[in-house]
PDB file of N, CA and C in Angstrom:
ATOM      1  N   UNK A   1      19.374   1.132  68.423  1.00  0.00           N
ATOM      2  CA  UNK A   1      19.420   0.207  67.309  1.00  0.00           C
ATOM      3  C   UNK A   1      19.544  -1.217  67.836  1.00  0.00           C
ATOM      4  N   UNK A   2      19.067  -2.153  67.048  1.00  0.00           N
ATOM      5  CA  UNK A   2      19.149  -3.562  67.434  1.00  0.00           C
ATOM      6  C   UNK A   2      19.767  -4.354  66.287  1.00  0.00           C
ATOM      7  N   UNK A   3      20.389  -5.433  66.632  1.00  0.00           N
ATOM      8  CA  UNK A   3      21.097  -6.263  65.659  1.00  0.00           C
ATOM      9  C   UNK A   3      20.220  -7.428  65.211  1.00  0.00           C
ATOM     10  N   UNK A   4      20.152  -7.640  63.894  1.00  0.00           N
ATOM     11  CA  UNK A   4      19.393  -8.749  63.325  1.00  0.00           C
ATOM     12  C   UNK A   4      20.068 -10.065  63.704  1.00  0.00           C
ATOM     13  N   UNK A   5      19.280 -11.004  64.200  1.00  0.00           N
ATOM     14  CA  UNK A   5      19.866 -12.271  64.627  1.00  0.00           C
ATOM     15  C   UNK A   5      20.203 -13.202  63.465  1.00  0.00           C
ATOM     16  N   UNK A   6      19.770 -12.871  62.244  1.00  0.00           N
ATOM     17  CA  UNK A   6      20.101 -13.705  61.087  1.00  0.00           C
ATOM     18  C   UNK A   6      21.350 -13.191  60.383  1.00  0.00           C
ATOM     19  N   UNK A   7      21.358 -11.909  60.036  1.00  0.00           N
ATOM     20  CA  UNK A   7      22.466 -11.378  59.232  1.00  0.00           C
ATOM     21  C   UNK A   7      23.463 -10.540  60.021  1.00  0.00           C
ATOM     22  N   UNK A   8      23.102 -10.154  61.240  1.00  0.00           N
ATOM     23  CA  UNK A   8      24.015  -9.376  62.067  1.00  0.00           C
ATOM     24  C   UNK A   8      24.005  -7.882  61.801  1.00  0.00           C
ATOM     25  N   UNK A   9      23.120  -7.417  60.926  1.00  0.00           N
ATOM     26  CA  UNK A   9      23.050  -5.995  60.599  1.00  0.00           C
ATOM     27  C   UNK A   9      22.504  -5.210  61.800  1.00  0.00           C
ATOM     28  N   UNK A  10      23.177  -4.141  62.151  1.00  0.00           N
ATOM     29  CA  UNK A  10      22.731  -3.247  63.220  1.00  0.00           C
ATOM     30  C   UNK A  10      21.956  -2.117  62.550  1.00  0.00           C
ATOM     31  N   UNK A  11      20.637  -2.131  62.675  1.00  0.00           N
ATOM     32  CA  UNK A  11      19.776  -1.285  61.849  1.00  0.00           C
ATOM     33  C   UNK A  11      18.799  -0.516  62.727  1.00  0.00           C
ATOM     34  N   UNK A  12      18.633   0.758  62.459  1.00  0.00           N
ATOM     35  CA  UNK A  12      17.763   1.595  63.282  1.00  0.00           C
ATOM     36  C   UNK A  12      16.284   1.257  63.113  1.00  0.00           C
ATOM     37  N   UNK A  13      15.918   0.574  62.026  1.00  0.00           N
ATOM     38  CA  UNK A  13      14.515   0.197  61.811  1.00  0.00           C
ATOM     39  C   UNK A  13      14.282  -1.294  62.046  1.00  0.00           C
ATOM     40  N   UNK A  14      15.123  -1.927  62.834  1.00  0.00           N
ATOM     41  CA  UNK A  14      14.913  -3.341  63.138  1.00  0.00           C
ATOM     42  C   UNK A  14      13.603  -3.501  63.909  1.00  0.00           C
ATOM     43  N   UNK A  15      13.100  -4.719  63.963  1.00  0.00           N
ATOM     44  CA  UNK A  15      11.820  -4.977  64.622  1.00  0.00           C
ATOM     45  C   UNK A  15      11.871  -6.329  65.321  1.00  0.00           C
ATOM     46  N   UNK A  16      10.924  -6.526  66.219  1.00  0.00           N
ATOM     47  CA  UNK A  16      10.834  -7.781  66.953  1.00  0.00           C
ATOM     48  C   UNK A  16       9.626  -8.577  66.488  1.00  0.00           C
ATOM     49  N   UNK A  17       9.779  -9.896  66.486  1.00  0.00           N
ATOM     50  CA  UNK A  17       8.670 -10.809  66.245  1.00  0.00           C
ATOM     51  C   UNK A  17       8.584 -11.708  67.472  1.00  0.00           C
ATOM     52  N   UNK A  18       7.410 -11.737  68.059  1.00  0.00           N
ATOM     53  CA  UNK A  18       7.204 -12.584  69.237  1.00  0.00           C
ATOM     54  C   UNK A  18       6.451 -13.840  68.825  1.00  0.00           C
ATOM     55  N   UNK A  19       6.995 -14.993  69.194  1.00  0.00           N
ATOM     56  CA  UNK A  19       6.321 -16.264  68.978  1.00  0.00           C
ATOM     57  C   UNK A  19       5.781 -16.728  70.326  1.00  0.00           C
ATOM     58  N   UNK A  20       5.228 -17.894  70.372  1.00  0.00           N
ATOM     59  CA  UNK A  20       4.683 -18.411  71.623  1.00  0.00           C
ATOM     60  C   UNK A  20       5.762 -18.494  72.701  1.00  0.00           C
ATOM     61  N   UNK A  21       6.981 -18.835  72.302  1.00  0.00           N
ATOM     62  CA  UNK A  21       8.020 -19.081  73.304  1.00  0.00           C
ATOM     63  C   UNK A  21       9.226 -18.148  73.247  1.00  0.00           C
ATOM     64  N   UNK A  22       9.370 -17.341  72.210  1.00  0.00           N
ATOM     65  CA  UNK A  22      10.578 -16.526  72.042  1.00  0.00           C
ATOM     66  C   UNK A  22      10.269 -15.152  71.467  1.00  0.00           C
ATOM     67  N   UNK A  23      11.256 -14.276  71.565  1.00  0.00           N
ATOM     68  CA  UNK A  23      11.223 -12.993  70.875  1.00  0.00           C
ATOM     69  C   UNK A  23      12.457 -12.918  69.988  1.00  0.00           C
ATOM     70  N   UNK A  24      12.252 -12.548  68.723  1.00  0.00           N
ATOM     71  CA  UNK A  24      13.339 -12.492  67.746  1.00  0.00           C
ATOM     72  C   UNK A  24      13.476 -11.071  67.215  1.00  0.00           C
ATOM     73  N   UNK A  25      14.695 -10.682  66.857  1.00  0.00           N
ATOM     74  CA  UNK A  25      14.963  -9.361  66.295  1.00  0.00           C
ATOM     75  C   UNK A  25      15.483  -9.513  64.872  1.00  0.00           C
ATOM     76  N   UNK A  26      14.882  -8.753  63.945  1.00  0.00           N
ATOM     77  CA  UNK A  26      15.256  -8.820  62.525  1.00  0.00           C
ATOM     78  C   UNK A  26      15.367  -7.419  61.950  1.00  0.00           C
ATOM     79  N   UNK A  27      16.111  -7.320  60.850  1.00  0.00           N
ATOM     80  CA  UNK A  27      16.214  -6.043  60.140  1.00  0.00           C
ATOM     81  C   UNK A  27      15.367  -6.028  58.881  1.00  0.00           C
ATOM     82  N   UNK A  28      14.791  -7.189  58.501  1.00  0.00           N
ATOM     83  CA  UNK A  28      13.974  -7.265  57.285  1.00  0.00           C
ATOM     84  C   UNK A  28      13.034  -8.465  57.377  1.00  0.00           C
ATOM     85  N   UNK A  29      11.986  -8.426  56.569  1.00  0.00           N
ATOM     86  CA  UNK A  29      11.090  -9.573  56.505  1.00  0.00           C
ATOM     87  C   UNK A  29      11.826 -10.769  55.917  1.00  0.00           C
ATOM     88  N   UNK A  30      12.757 -10.518  55.013  1.00  0.00           N
ATOM     89  CA  UNK A  30      13.543 -11.603  54.423  1.00  0.00           C
ATOM     90  C   UNK A  30      14.241 -12.422  55.505  1.00  0.00           C
ATOM     91  N   UNK A  31      14.876 -11.745  56.453  1.00  0.00           N
ATOM     92  CA  UNK A  31      15.567 -12.453  57.537  1.00  0.00           C
ATOM     93  C   UNK A  31      14.569 -13.154  58.453  1.00  0.00           C
ATOM     94  N   UNK A  32      13.423 -12.525  58.715  1.00  0.00           N
ATOM     95  CA  UNK A  32      12.399 -13.149  59.554  1.00  0.00           C
ATOM     96  C   UNK A  32      11.888 -14.435  58.910  1.00  0.00           C
ATOM     97  N   UNK A  33      11.647 -14.395  57.619  1.00  0.00           N
ATOM     98  CA  UNK A  33      11.185 -15.578  56.893  1.00  0.00           C
ATOM     99  C   UNK A  33      12.251 -16.669  56.945  1.00  0.00           C
ATOM    100  N   UNK A  34      13.490 -16.300  56.714  1.00  0.00           N
ATOM    101  CA  UNK A  34      14.587 -17.275  56.717  1.00  0.00           C
ATOM    102  C   UNK A  34      14.666 -17.998  58.057  1.00  0.00           C
ATOM    103  N   UNK A  35      14.432 -17.286  59.132  1.00  0.00           N
ATOM    104  CA  UNK A  35      14.554 -17.867  60.472  1.00  0.00           C
ATOM    105  C   UNK A  35      13.287 -18.611  60.912  1.00  0.00           C
ATOM    106  N   UNK A  36      12.103 -18.086  60.598  1.00  0.00           N
ATOM    107  CA  UNK A  36      10.874 -18.589  61.202  1.00  0.00           C
ATOM    108  C   UNK A  36       9.967 -19.423  60.304  1.00  0.00           C
ATOM    109  N   UNK A  37      10.018 -19.222  58.991  1.00  0.00           N
ATOM    110  CA  UNK A  37       9.084 -19.928  58.114  1.00  0.00           C
ATOM    111  C   UNK A  37       9.443 -21.408  58.006  1.00  0.00           C
ATOM    112  N   UNK A  38       8.433 -22.271  58.094  1.00  0.00           N
ATOM    113  CA  UNK A  38       8.716 -23.702  57.937  1.00  0.00           C
ATOM    114  C   UNK A  38       9.131 -24.014  56.502  1.00  0.00           C
ATOM    115  N   UNK A  39       9.755 -25.165  56.309  1.00  0.00           N
ATOM    116  CA  UNK A  39      10.227 -25.600  54.993  1.00  0.00           C
ATOM    117  C   UNK A  39       9.335 -26.733  54.505  1.00  0.00           C
ATOM    118  N   UNK A  40       8.914 -26.675  53.250  1.00  0.00           N
ATOM    119  CA  UNK A  40       8.092 -27.726  52.653  1.00  0.00           C
ATOM    120  C   UNK A  40       8.850 -29.051  52.676  1.00  0.00           C
ATOM    121  N   UNK A  41       8.188 -30.104  53.130  1.00  0.00           N
ATOM    122  CA  UNK A  41       8.812 -31.424  53.241  1.00  0.00           C
ATOM    123  C   UNK A  41       9.073 -32.062  51.877  1.00  0.00           C
ATOM    124  N   UNK A  42       8.446 -31.528  50.820  1.00  0.00           N
ATOM    125  CA  UNK A  42       8.660 -32.102  49.490  1.00  0.00           C
ATOM    126  C   UNK A  42       9.653 -31.278  48.664  1.00  0.00           C
ATOM    127  N   UNK A  43       9.336 -30.020  48.416  1.00  0.00           N
ATOM    128  CA  UNK A  43      10.168 -29.214  47.510  1.00  0.00           C
ATOM    129  C   UNK A  43      11.187 -28.343  48.239  1.00  0.00           C
ATOM    130  N   UNK A  44      11.115 -28.309  49.563  1.00  0.00           N
ATOM    131  CA  UNK A  44      12.053 -27.595  50.421  1.00  0.00           C
ATOM    132  C   UNK A  44      12.025 -26.071  50.287  1.00  0.00           C
ATOM    133  N   UNK A  45      10.933 -25.517  49.722  1.00  0.00           N
ATOM    134  CA  UNK A  45      10.832 -24.061  49.686  1.00  0.00           C
ATOM    135  C   UNK A  45      10.303 -23.566  51.033  1.00  0.00           C
ATOM    136  N   UNK A  46      10.544 -22.308  51.349  1.00  0.00           N
ATOM    137  CA  UNK A  46      10.019 -21.716  52.574  1.00  0.00           C
ATOM    138  C   UNK A  46       8.522 -21.498  52.396  1.00  0.00           C
ATOM    139  N   UNK A  47       7.749 -21.838  53.393  1.00  0.00           N
ATOM    140  CA  UNK A  47       6.300 -21.686  53.320  1.00  0.00           C
ATOM    141  C   UNK A  47       5.949 -20.313  53.880  1.00  0.00           C
ATOM    142  N   UNK A  48       5.665 -19.383  52.984  1.00  0.00           N
ATOM    143  CA  UNK A  48       5.384 -18.013  53.375  1.00  0.00           C
ATOM    144  C   UNK A  48       3.880 -17.795  53.536  1.00  0.00           C
ATOM    145  N   UNK A  49       3.090 -18.514  52.762  1.00  0.00           N
ATOM    146  CA  UNK A  49       1.639 -18.405  52.859  1.00  0.00           C
ATOM    147  C   UNK A  49       1.086 -19.386  53.871  1.00  0.00           C
ATOM    148  N   UNK A  50      -0.159 -19.780  53.672  1.00  0.00           N
ATOM    149  CA  UNK A  50      -0.812 -20.672  54.625  1.00  0.00           C
ATOM    150  C   UNK A  50      -0.223 -22.078  54.598  1.00  0.00           C
ATOM    151  N   UNK A  51       0.050 -22.623  53.429  1.00  0.00           N
ATOM    152  CA  UNK A  51       0.548 -23.984  53.351  1.00  0.00           C
ATOM    153  C   UNK A  51      -0.478 -24.974  53.887  1.00  0.00           C
ATOM    154  N   UNK A  52      -0.085 -26.239  53.977  1.00  0.00           N
ATOM    155  CA  UNK A  52      -0.949 -27.279  54.525  1.00  0.00           C
ATOM    156  C   UNK A  52      -0.140 -28.160  55.464  1.00  0.00           C
ATOM    157  N   UNK A  53      -0.840 -28.779  56.397  1.00  0.00           N
ATOM    158  CA  UNK A  53      -0.204 -29.696  57.330  1.00  0.00           C
ATOM    159  C   UNK A  53      -0.916 -31.037  57.246  1.00  0.00           C
ATOM    160  N   UNK A  54      -0.148 -32.096  57.053  1.00  0.00           N
ATOM    161  CA  UNK A  54      -0.692 -33.444  56.995  1.00  0.00           C
ATOM    162  C   UNK A  54       0.177 -34.319  57.899  1.00  0.00           C
ATOM    163  N   UNK A  55      -0.447 -34.970  58.842  1.00  0.00           N
ATOM    164  CA  UNK A  55       0.266 -35.876  59.758  1.00  0.00           C
ATOM    165  C   UNK A  55       1.435 -35.189  60.452  1.00  0.00           C
ATOM    166  N   UNK A  56       1.261 -33.914  60.794  1.00  0.00           N
ATOM    167  CA  UNK A  56       2.318 -33.182  61.489  1.00  0.00           C
ATOM    168  C   UNK A  56       3.459 -32.726  60.601  1.00  0.00           C
ATOM    169  N   UNK A  57       3.321 -32.874  59.292  1.00  0.00           N
ATOM    170  CA  UNK A  57       4.348 -32.444  58.339  1.00  0.00           C
ATOM    171  C   UNK A  57       3.802 -31.256  57.551  1.00  0.00           C
ATOM    172  N   UNK A  58       4.673 -30.295  57.238  1.00  0.00           N
ATOM    173  CA  UNK A  58       4.245 -29.075  56.558  1.00  0.00           C
ATOM    174  C   UNK A  58       4.615 -29.114  55.076  1.00  0.00           C
ATOM    175  N   UNK A  59       3.680 -28.631  54.255  1.00  0.00           N
ATOM    176  CA  UNK A  59       3.874 -28.577  52.807  1.00  0.00           C
ATOM    177  C   UNK A  59       3.426 -27.216  52.296  1.00  0.00           C
ATOM    178  N   UNK A  60       4.030 -26.754  51.207  1.00  0.00           N
ATOM    179  CA  UNK A  60       3.682 -25.448  50.655  1.00  0.00           C
ATOM    180  C   UNK A  60       2.370 -25.484  49.884  1.00  0.00           C
ATOM    181  N   UNK A  61       1.950 -26.673  49.447  1.00  0.00           N
ATOM    182  CA  UNK A  61       0.729 -26.779  48.637  1.00  0.00           C
ATOM    183  C   UNK A  61       0.131 -28.172  48.761  1.00  0.00           C
ATOM    184  N   UNK A  62      -1.100 -28.304  48.300  1.00  0.00           N
ATOM    185  CA  UNK A  62      -1.746 -29.613  48.284  1.00  0.00           C
ATOM    186  C   UNK A  62      -0.992 -30.562  47.361  1.00  0.00           C
ATOM    187  N   UNK A  63      -0.457 -30.060  46.258  1.00  0.00           N
ATOM    188  CA  UNK A  63       0.305 -30.911  45.342  1.00  0.00           C
ATOM    189  C   UNK A  63       1.449 -31.606  46.063  1.00  0.00           C
ATOM    190  N   UNK A  64       2.246 -30.836  46.810  1.00  0.00           N
ATOM    191  CA  UNK A  64       3.383 -31.424  47.535  1.00  0.00           C
ATOM    192  C   UNK A  64       2.902 -32.410  48.594  1.00  0.00           C
ATOM    193  N   UNK A  65       1.797 -32.098  49.256  1.00  0.00           N
ATOM    194  CA  UNK A  65       1.244 -33.016  50.258  1.00  0.00           C
ATOM    195  C   UNK A  65       0.819 -34.325  49.610  1.00  0.00           C
ATOM    196  N   UNK A  66       0.195 -34.258  48.436  1.00  0.00           N
ATOM    197  CA  UNK A  66      -0.250 -35.476  47.745  1.00  0.00           C
ATOM    198  C   UNK A  66       0.934 -36.336  47.322  1.00  0.00           C
ATOM    199  N   UNK A  67       1.992 -35.710  46.851  1.00  0.00           N
ATOM    200  CA  UNK A  67       3.169 -36.457  46.401  1.00  0.00           C
ATOM    201  C   UNK A  67       3.783 -37.257  47.542  1.00  0.00           C
ATOM    202  N   UNK A  68       3.866 -36.658  48.718  1.00  0.00           N
ATOM    203  CA  UNK A  68       4.552 -37.279  49.848  1.00  0.00           C
ATOM    204  C   UNK A  68       3.631 -38.143  50.703  1.00  0.00           C
ATOM    205  N   UNK A  69       2.410 -37.701  50.931  1.00  0.00           N
ATOM    206  CA  UNK A  69       1.536 -38.344  51.920  1.00  0.00           C
ATOM    207  C   UNK A  69       0.529 -39.356  51.360  1.00  0.00           C
ATOM    208  N   UNK A  70       0.516 -39.584  50.066  1.00  0.00           N
ATOM    209  CA  UNK A  70      -0.361 -40.605  49.505  1.00  0.00           C
ATOM    210  C   UNK A  70      -1.830 -40.372  49.815  1.00  0.00           C
ATOM    211  N   UNK A  71      -2.484 -41.342  50.474  1.00  0.00           N
ATOM    212  CA  UNK A  71      -3.923 -41.257  50.753  1.00  0.00           C
ATOM    213  C   UNK A  71      -4.295 -40.056  51.605  1.00  0.00           C
ATOM    214  N   UNK A  72      -3.544 -39.809  52.660  1.00  0.00           N
ATOM    215  CA  UNK A  72      -3.851 -38.652  53.511  1.00  0.00           C
ATOM    216  C   UNK A  72      -3.671 -37.352  52.734  1.00  0.00           C
ATOM    217  N   UNK A  73      -2.660 -37.280  51.906  1.00  0.00           N
ATOM    218  CA  UNK A  73      -2.421 -36.092  51.095  1.00  0.00           C
ATOM    219  C   UNK A  73      -3.475 -35.902  50.024  1.00  0.00           C
ATOM    220  N   UNK A  74      -4.061 -37.012  49.554  1.00  0.00           N
ATOM    221  CA  UNK A  74      -5.076 -36.937  48.503  1.00  0.00           C
ATOM    222  C   UNK A  74      -6.309 -36.171  48.968  1.00  0.00           C
ATOM    223  N   UNK A  75      -6.558 -36.143  50.258  1.00  0.00           N
ATOM    224  CA  UNK A  75      -7.720 -35.443  50.793  1.00  0.00           C
ATOM    225  C   UNK A  75      -7.513 -33.927  50.855  1.00  0.00           C
ATOM    226  N   UNK A  76      -6.294 -33.469  50.684  1.00  0.00           N
ATOM    227  CA  UNK A  76      -5.976 -32.046  50.776  1.00  0.00           C
ATOM    228  C   UNK A  76      -6.248 -31.379  49.430  1.00  0.00           C
ATOM    229  N   UNK A  77      -6.906 -30.238  49.469  1.00  0.00           N
ATOM    230  CA  UNK A  77      -7.211 -29.474  48.261  1.00  0.00           C
ATOM    231  C   UNK A  77      -6.753 -28.031  48.437  1.00  0.00           C
ATOM    232  N   UNK A  78      -6.113 -27.478  47.425  1.00  0.00           N
ATOM    233  CA  UNK A  78      -5.825 -26.050  47.413  1.00  0.00           C
ATOM    234  C   UNK A  78      -7.110 -25.349  47.036  1.00  0.00           C
ATOM    235  N   UNK A  79      -7.483 -24.291  47.761  1.00  0.00           N
ATOM    236  CA  UNK A  79      -8.752 -23.626  47.467  1.00  0.00           C
ATOM    237  C   UNK A  79      -8.596 -22.179  47.037  1.00  0.00           C
ATOM    238  N   UNK A  80      -7.429 -21.612  47.170  1.00  0.00           N
ATOM    239  CA  UNK A  80      -7.256 -20.216  46.801  1.00  0.00           C
ATOM    240  C   UNK A  80      -7.458 -20.067  45.305  1.00  0.00           C
ATOM    241  N   UNK A  81      -8.402 -19.262  44.916  1.00  0.00           N
ATOM    242  CA  UNK A  81      -8.669 -19.009  43.511  1.00  0.00           C
ATOM    243  C   UNK A  81      -9.487 -20.099  42.821  1.00  0.00           C
ATOM    244  N   UNK A  82      -9.803 -21.187  43.540  1.00  0.00           N
ATOM    245  CA  UNK A  82     -10.571 -22.256  42.934  1.00  0.00           C
ATOM    246  C   UNK A  82     -12.045 -21.874  42.878  1.00  0.00           C
ATOM    247  N   UNK A  83     -12.700 -22.257  41.804  1.00  0.00           N
ATOM    248  CA  UNK A  83     -14.126 -21.986  41.662  1.00  0.00           C
ATOM    249  C   UNK A  83     -14.906 -23.199  42.169  1.00  0.00           C
ATOM    250  N   UNK A  84     -16.006 -22.946  42.861  1.00  0.00           N
ATOM    251  CA  UNK A  84     -16.831 -24.084  43.293  1.00  0.00           C
ATOM    252  C   UNK A  84     -17.430 -24.792  42.082  1.00  0.00           C
ATOM    253  N   UNK A  85     -17.558 -26.073  42.187  1.00  0.00           N
ATOM    254  CA  UNK A  85     -18.093 -26.870  41.066  1.00  0.00           C
ATOM    255  C   UNK A  85     -19.600 -26.775  40.999  1.00  0.00           C
TER     256      UNK A  85
END
């Protein structure tokens, strides 16, 4: 068994996530998200999906990028589910 590095639970079904520089041990996806997912610079939610990056800053959506980044954010468009014009 391995111990989750976020909550400390010693769980027989724990798993490892390898990043470019580290290996982490978790007991749930919830703990993995809490530790590894970036935080939106505008609304502060965890970015679980693709999100967007503008000027080295991460946002959960194009809306949040536009609010914070002005002109650079205005060029960002959410495309999931959008119909072509």
